[in-house]
Each structure stands twice: as structure tokens, then as C-alpha cells.
Amino acid sequence: MKENLIVEKSYKFALMIIKLGKKLIAQNEYVLSRQILKSGTSIGANIEEAVGGISKKEFRAKMSISYKEARETHYWLRLLKDSGYITINEFNELEKELSSILRILYKIIESSKE
């Protein structure tokens, strides 16, 4: 199968989020860990669904959901940084990867419009 940049990046990001979730749970932070785990791993899951979509409309809809989940994840990351659960370095690493994903998703959505 041909490599797909957004599939690979979103999968790598999901692994980073799982690692972060484990850290938060070890700090006894369950609410925010659940939120970041849900939105951060949903990005790649929706991209996978989009890739397997039957129609262009379905593809675009799933990519749009991925974009929204990425925006939500950005919110949770900012909240975790500003509340002191993650360091600025941890935030910067995750935010850099997430920003790249957001840019790619935006371009995909824009180029798939009818």
C-alpha cells in the first residue's frame, strides 16, 4: 500500500497522546486525560475512515471531523500547559506535530471541495 502522510502523522501523534494520557493518569488526572485521549486519538481514526470512504462527500465529511478533533485537541493541550500538567517543552513538541496535522487536513479539505 502507498504511504499516506496524514495517516502516518496522525498515527504517530496518537501514540504521543497515549503516552501523555498515561502520564496524566499517573498524576491522578482522569478527566483531562480522558478528554485528550478521546480527541487526540480520534483524529487518526477519522482519517482512516475517510481513506476507506466510498464517496468524495463521505471522505470530506470524515476529514472535516478529523480537523475538528484536532482543534479540540489543541484546546486540551493549551489547558494542560496552562494548568501545569505538562511542561512548555512537552506542549511545544505536541503542538508542533498537531499544527502540521491541522495544516495538512485543512489543505485536504479545501482541495476536496466540489
Protein backbone atom coordinates (compact mmCIF):
# COMPACT_ATOMS: atom_id res chain seq x y z
CA MET A 1 0.00 0.00 0.00
CA LYS A 2 1.19 3.51 -0.84
CA GLU A 3 2.34 5.63 2.10
CA ASN A 4 -0.08 8.32 3.17
CA LEU A 5 1.49 11.25 5.04
CA ILE A 6 -1.59 12.29 7.02
CA VAL A 7 -2.33 8.69 8.02
CA GLU A 8 1.23 8.23 9.26
CA LYS A 9 1.40 11.61 11.05
CA SER A 10 -1.94 11.14 12.78
CA TYR A 11 -0.96 7.63 13.92
CA LYS A 12 2.35 8.91 15.32
CA PHE A 13 0.50 11.72 17.06
CA ALA A 14 -2.00 9.26 18.58
CA LEU A 15 0.91 7.32 20.08
CA MET A 16 2.27 10.57 21.56
CA ILE A 17 -1.17 11.30 23.04
CA ILE A 18 -1.41 7.81 24.56
CA LYS A 19 1.95 8.39 26.24
CA LEU A 20 0.68 11.73 27.55
CA GLY A 21 -2.52 10.08 28.77
CA LYS A 22 -0.52 7.52 30.74
CA LYS A 23 1.48 10.34 32.34
CA LEU A 24 -1.68 12.23 33.30
CA ILE A 25 -3.28 9.11 34.77
CA ALA A 26 -0.10 8.53 36.82
CA GLN A 27 -0.63 12.08 38.16
CA ASN A 28 -4.21 11.07 39.08
CA GLU A 29 -5.65 13.40 36.44
CA TYR A 30 -8.52 11.42 34.97
CA VAL A 31 -10.89 13.99 33.46
CA LEU A 32 -8.38 15.83 31.28
CA SER A 33 -6.56 12.60 30.40
CA ARG A 34 -9.82 11.13 29.11
CA GLN A 35 -10.60 14.25 27.06
CA ILE A 36 -7.16 14.46 25.43
CA LEU A 37 -7.11 10.71 24.77
CA LYS A 38 -10.52 10.80 23.10
CA SER A 39 -9.89 13.80 20.85
CA GLY A 40 -6.22 13.10 20.15
CA THR A 41 -6.75 9.53 19.01
CA SER A 42 -9.97 10.34 17.16
CA ILE A 43 -8.03 12.42 14.63
CA GLY A 44 -6.35 9.38 13.11
CA ALA A 45 -9.40 7.13 13.48
CA ASN A 46 -11.49 9.53 11.39
CA ILE A 47 -8.71 9.88 8.83
CA GLU A 48 -8.65 6.08 8.48
CA GLU A 49 -12.42 6.13 7.95
CA ALA A 50 -12.04 8.89 5.35
CA VAL A 51 -9.43 6.93 3.43
CA GLY A 52 -11.82 3.98 3.34
CA GLY A 53 -14.78 6.16 2.41
CA ILE A 54 -16.99 5.26 -0.50
CA SER A 55 -17.73 8.73 -1.81
CA LYS A 56 -15.96 12.07 -2.04
CA LYS A 57 -18.65 13.55 0.20
CA GLU A 58 -18.00 10.91 2.87
CA PHE A 59 -14.24 11.48 2.55
CA ARG A 60 -14.61 15.22 3.03
CA ALA A 61 -17.01 14.78 5.98
CA LYS A 62 -14.61 12.46 7.84
CA MET A 63 -11.64 14.71 7.14
CA SER A 64 -13.66 17.63 8.50
CA ILE A 65 -14.38 15.68 11.67
CA SER A 66 -10.65 14.96 11.98
CA TYR A 67 -9.94 18.68 11.64
CA LYS A 68 -12.46 19.50 14.39
CA GLU A 69 -11.00 16.82 16.66
CA ALA A 70 -7.53 18.28 16.07
CA ARG A 71 -8.80 21.74 17.04
CA GLU A 72 -10.33 20.28 20.19
CA THR A 73 -7.06 18.52 20.99
CA HIS A 74 -5.25 21.85 20.64
CA TYR A 75 -7.60 23.30 23.25
CA TRP A 76 -6.90 20.48 25.71
CA LEU A 77 -3.14 20.79 25.16
CA ARG A 78 -3.25 24.51 25.92
CA LEU A 79 -5.31 23.83 29.02
CA LEU A 80 -2.86 21.16 30.20
CA LYS A 81 0.08 23.51 29.66
CA ASP A 82 -1.52 26.48 31.37
CA SER A 83 -2.66 24.37 34.33
CA GLY A 84 0.83 22.95 34.83
CA TYR A 85 0.12 19.32 33.95
CA ILE A 86 2.61 19.41 31.08
CA THR A 87 5.77 21.42 30.59
CA ILE A 88 6.26 24.01 27.89
CA ASN A 89 8.66 21.60 26.16
CA GLU A 90 6.07 18.81 26.17
CA PHE A 91 3.47 21.25 24.86
CA ASN A 92 5.78 22.54 22.12
CA GLU A 93 6.58 19.03 20.87
CA LEU A 94 2.92 18.02 20.72
CA GLU A 95 1.74 21.36 19.37
CA LYS A 96 4.31 21.32 16.57
CA GLU A 97 3.09 17.92 15.38
CA LEU A 98 -0.55 18.90 15.79
CA SER A 99 -0.09 22.16 13.86
CA SER A 100 1.40 20.19 10.98
CA ILE A 101 -1.58 17.82 11.02
CA LEU A 102 -4.01 20.75 11.07
CA ARG A 103 -2.34 22.39 8.06
CA ILE A 104 -2.42 19.17 6.06
CA LEU A 105 -6.05 18.46 6.98
CA TYR A 106 -7.08 21.98 6.02
CA LYS A 107 -5.40 21.62 2.61
CA ILE A 108 -7.02 18.22 2.06
CA ILE A 109 -10.47 19.57 2.93
CA GLU A 110 -10.05 22.64 0.75
CA SER A 111 -8.80 20.65 -2.23
CA SER A 112 -11.63 18.11 -1.94
CA LYS A 113 -14.42 20.68 -2.15
CA GLU A 114 -16.68 20.49 -5.15
